[in-house]
Amino acid sequence: MQFEKVKKFVLERLLEVLPPNLTYHSLEHTKDVYHSAERLAGLENISGEDLQILLTAVLFHDAGFLQQQKNHELIGCDLARKYLPDYDYNQDQIERICGMIMATKIPQTPANKLEMIICDADLDYFGRDDFFTVGNRLFDELRTLGTIHSENEWNLLQEDFLEHHRYFTESAKALRGDRKAEHLAVIKSKIIK
């Protein structure tokens, strides 16, 4: 696997092609998930080929946004299947990567440790200090796309999402669980019923 070349290729494509109105599903989001996945992988004792496959999946997990928002996970898998053979990834590795990408589709459905890690990394910010900063980028993106129309509607959506979300790995639960609960309490306090 020519991982470093894949990384350079995908990050350059995201930088060049993603539309500026994607204030959340951006190059920065992919980099953020990448760093979160690296950290969780270390805590969960993932290394070697498994780590490279995980990080490749992270690079492609939102690459479907290069074409469209709807079904972006499937498109990300299509892009992985199209490009990864050129970088010496075999069919088994590519299908494992696609499994990880598809696991991030909401509601998340991880079936193994690597899928759990990518899911936790994708929503790592729920339990971080920058939760509201990152969340505001998603709010701006959804408002621009016409999905959300008011701050109260956004807070109701976040309340529902956070109440139904769970971290899968023990590392993410320990690192992020308490802070996520604090964020949920703040959101609940803002909601106008």
Protein backbone atom coordinates (compact mmCIF):
# COMPACT_ATOMS: atom_id res chain seq x y z
CA MET A 1 0.00 0.00 0.00
CA GLN A 2 1.32 3.40 -0.98
CA PHE A 3 -0.41 5.12 1.94
CA GLU A 4 1.47 8.43 1.90
CA LYS A 5 0.74 8.89 -1.82
CA VAL A 6 -2.97 8.15 -1.26
CA LYS A 7 -3.04 10.64 1.60
CA LYS A 8 -1.49 13.37 -0.55
CA PHE A 9 -3.85 12.61 -3.46
CA VAL A 10 -7.06 12.69 -1.39
CA LEU A 11 -6.17 15.77 0.64
CA GLU A 12 -5.26 17.69 -2.52
CA ARG A 13 -8.56 16.68 -4.17
CA LEU A 14 -10.56 17.79 -1.12
CA LEU A 15 -8.72 21.12 -1.05
CA GLU A 16 -9.22 21.75 -4.77
CA VAL A 17 -12.78 20.49 -5.33
CA LEU A 18 -14.91 20.77 -2.18
CA PRO A 19 -17.28 23.74 -2.44
CA PRO A 20 -16.73 26.56 0.08
CA ASN A 21 -20.30 26.29 1.40
CA LEU A 22 -19.31 23.00 3.05
CA THR A 23 -18.13 24.69 6.21
CA TYR A 24 -18.27 21.43 8.22
CA HIS A 25 -17.70 18.63 5.68
CA SER A 26 -14.45 20.25 4.66
CA LEU A 27 -10.77 19.43 4.37
CA GLU A 28 -10.44 20.53 8.01
CA HIS A 29 -13.05 17.97 9.08
CA THR A 30 -11.18 15.16 7.34
CA LYS A 31 -7.92 16.25 8.99
CA ASP A 32 -9.67 16.46 12.36
CA VAL A 33 -11.12 12.95 12.04
CA TYR A 34 -7.71 11.70 10.87
CA HIS A 35 -6.00 13.01 14.01
CA SER A 36 -8.78 11.68 16.25
CA ALA A 37 -8.55 8.26 14.59
CA GLU A 38 -4.77 8.22 15.07
CA ARG A 39 -5.18 8.99 18.75
CA LEU A 40 -7.93 6.42 19.32
CA ALA A 41 -6.01 3.80 17.34
CA GLY A 42 -3.03 4.29 19.63
CA LEU A 43 -5.21 3.94 22.71
CA GLU A 44 -6.87 0.83 21.23
CA ASN A 45 -3.51 -0.74 20.25
CA ILE A 46 -4.07 -0.59 16.48
CA SER A 47 -0.90 -0.42 14.36
CA GLY A 48 0.72 -1.58 11.14
CA GLU A 49 -1.52 -2.46 8.20
CA ASP A 50 -4.69 -2.07 10.27
CA LEU A 51 -3.73 1.50 11.13
CA GLN A 52 -3.01 2.34 7.49
CA ILE A 53 -6.32 0.84 6.39
CA LEU A 54 -8.17 2.78 9.11
CA LEU A 55 -6.53 6.07 8.13
CA THR A 56 -7.21 5.41 4.45
CA ALA A 57 -10.88 4.93 5.31
CA VAL A 58 -10.81 8.24 7.18
CA LEU A 59 -9.41 9.98 4.11
CA PHE A 60 -12.26 8.63 1.97
CA HIS A 61 -15.09 8.73 4.54
CA ASP A 62 -16.48 12.06 3.30
CA ALA A 63 -14.82 12.10 -0.13
CA GLY A 64 -18.27 11.52 -1.64
CA PHE A 65 -18.96 15.20 -0.94
CA LEU A 66 -16.67 15.85 -3.91
CA GLN A 67 -19.71 14.84 -5.99
CA GLN A 68 -22.81 15.26 -3.81
CA GLN A 69 -24.13 15.25 -0.26
CA LYS A 70 -26.74 12.51 -0.60
CA ASN A 71 -25.31 8.98 -0.27
CA HIS A 72 -21.81 10.42 0.08
CA GLU A 73 -20.68 7.27 1.90
CA LEU A 74 -21.52 5.08 -1.11
CA ILE A 75 -19.76 7.53 -3.40
CA GLY A 76 -16.74 7.50 -1.08
CA CYS A 77 -16.63 3.71 -1.44
CA ASP A 78 -16.89 4.01 -5.21
CA LEU A 79 -13.97 6.45 -5.19
CA ALA A 80 -11.93 4.12 -2.97
CA ARG A 81 -12.63 1.20 -5.31
CA LYS A 82 -11.68 3.34 -8.30
CA TYR A 83 -8.43 4.84 -7.02
CA LEU A 84 -6.94 2.53 -4.39
CA PRO A 85 -5.89 -0.29 -6.77
CA ASP A 86 -3.57 2.28 -8.40
CA TYR A 87 -1.85 2.60 -5.01
CA ASP A 88 -1.38 -1.16 -4.48
CA TYR A 89 -4.36 -1.77 -2.21
CA ASN A 90 -5.86 -5.22 -2.71
CA GLN A 91 -9.57 -6.11 -2.89
CA ASP A 92 -9.74 -7.32 0.71
CA GLN A 93 -8.17 -4.10 2.00
CA ILE A 94 -10.51 -1.98 -0.14
CA GLU A 95 -13.60 -3.83 1.08
CA ARG A 96 -12.50 -3.39 4.70
CA ILE A 97 -12.07 0.33 3.98
CA CYS A 98 -15.56 0.48 2.45
CA GLY A 99 -16.96 -1.27 5.52
CA MET A 100 -15.48 1.46 7.68
CA ILE A 101 -16.80 4.23 5.44
CA MET A 102 -20.31 2.75 5.46
CA ALA A 103 -20.21 2.32 9.25
CA THR A 104 -20.05 6.14 9.58
CA LYS A 105 -23.45 6.56 7.90
CA ILE A 106 -25.96 7.87 10.42
CA PRO A 107 -27.10 5.95 12.39
CA GLN A 108 -23.61 4.53 12.80
CA THR A 109 -23.36 0.74 12.52
CA PRO A 110 -19.83 -0.48 13.32
CA ALA A 111 -19.30 -4.24 13.20
CA ASN A 112 -15.65 -4.46 14.32
CA LYS A 113 -12.94 -2.53 16.18
CA LEU A 114 -11.71 -0.48 13.20
CA GLU A 115 -15.28 0.50 12.29
CA MET A 116 -15.86 1.52 15.93
CA ILE A 117 -12.75 3.70 15.88
CA ILE A 118 -13.68 5.56 12.69
CA CYS A 119 -17.21 6.14 13.99
CA ASP A 120 -15.88 7.51 17.28
CA ALA A 121 -13.29 9.66 15.49
CA ASP A 122 -15.92 11.07 13.10
CA LEU A 123 -17.92 12.45 16.04
CA ASP A 124 -15.05 12.93 18.47
CA TYR A 125 -15.84 16.63 18.77
CA PHE A 126 -19.07 15.83 20.66
CA GLY A 127 -16.96 15.44 23.79
CA ARG A 128 -14.31 18.08 23.17
CA ASP A 129 -13.90 21.67 24.28
CA ASP A 130 -14.36 22.91 20.69
CA PHE A 131 -17.82 21.28 20.44
CA PHE A 132 -19.71 24.54 19.91
CA THR A 133 -17.14 25.94 17.45
CA VAL A 134 -17.28 22.81 15.30
CA GLY A 135 -21.05 22.53 15.72
CA ASN A 136 -21.50 26.09 14.50
CA ARG A 137 -19.73 25.15 11.26
CA LEU A 138 -22.24 22.34 10.76
CA PHE A 139 -25.11 24.70 11.62
CA ASP A 140 -23.86 27.19 9.00
CA GLU A 141 -23.52 24.41 6.41
CA LEU A 142 -27.01 23.04 7.04
CA ARG A 143 -28.53 26.53 7.02
CA THR A 144 -26.81 27.30 3.70
CA LEU A 145 -28.13 24.01 2.27
CA GLY A 146 -31.64 24.85 3.49
CA THR A 147 -31.82 21.87 5.86
CA ILE A 148 -32.06 23.97 9.05
CA HIS A 149 -33.81 27.34 9.30
CA SER A 150 -33.38 28.54 12.90
CA GLU A 151 -31.09 28.22 15.88
CA ASN A 152 -33.86 26.59 17.92
CA GLU A 153 -34.43 24.01 15.19
CA TRP A 154 -30.68 23.35 15.24
CA ASN A 155 -30.65 22.94 19.03
CA LEU A 156 -33.56 20.49 18.86
CA LEU A 157 -31.70 18.49 16.21
CA GLN A 158 -28.52 18.47 18.29
CA GLU A 159 -30.43 17.43 21.41
CA ASP A 160 -31.96 14.46 19.59
CA PHE A 161 -28.66 13.52 17.97
CA LEU A 162 -26.62 13.68 21.18
CA GLU A 163 -29.24 11.74 23.14
CA HIS A 164 -29.16 8.90 20.61
CA HIS A 165 -25.42 8.96 19.94
CA ARG A 166 -23.02 6.67 21.74
CA TYR A 167 -19.31 6.13 21.58
CA PHE A 168 -18.29 2.56 20.80
CA THR A 169 -14.68 2.18 21.97
CA GLU A 170 -13.79 2.20 25.66
CA SER A 171 -11.17 4.85 24.89
CA ALA A 172 -13.68 7.29 23.38
CA LYS A 173 -16.17 6.66 26.20
CA ALA A 174 -13.49 7.48 28.77
CA LEU A 175 -12.11 10.49 26.87
CA ARG A 176 -15.32 12.10 25.66
CA GLY A 177 -18.38 10.75 27.46
CA ASP A 178 -18.56 13.17 30.40
CA ARG A 179 -17.91 16.28 28.34
CA LYS A 180 -20.51 15.21 25.77
CA ALA A 181 -23.09 14.98 28.57
CA GLU A 182 -22.17 18.53 29.65
CA HIS A 183 -22.67 19.81 26.10
CA LEU A 184 -26.07 18.13 25.92
CA ALA A 185 -27.13 19.88 29.13
CA VAL A 186 -26.11 23.27 27.69
CA ILE A 187 -28.06 22.61 24.50
CA LYS A 188 -31.16 21.58 26.46
CA SER A 189 -30.96 24.86 28.41
CA LYS A 190 -31.09 26.85 25.14
CA ILE A 191 -34.13 25.14 23.63
CA ILE A 192 -37.34 27.12 23.40
CA LYS A 193 -40.29 24.74 23.71
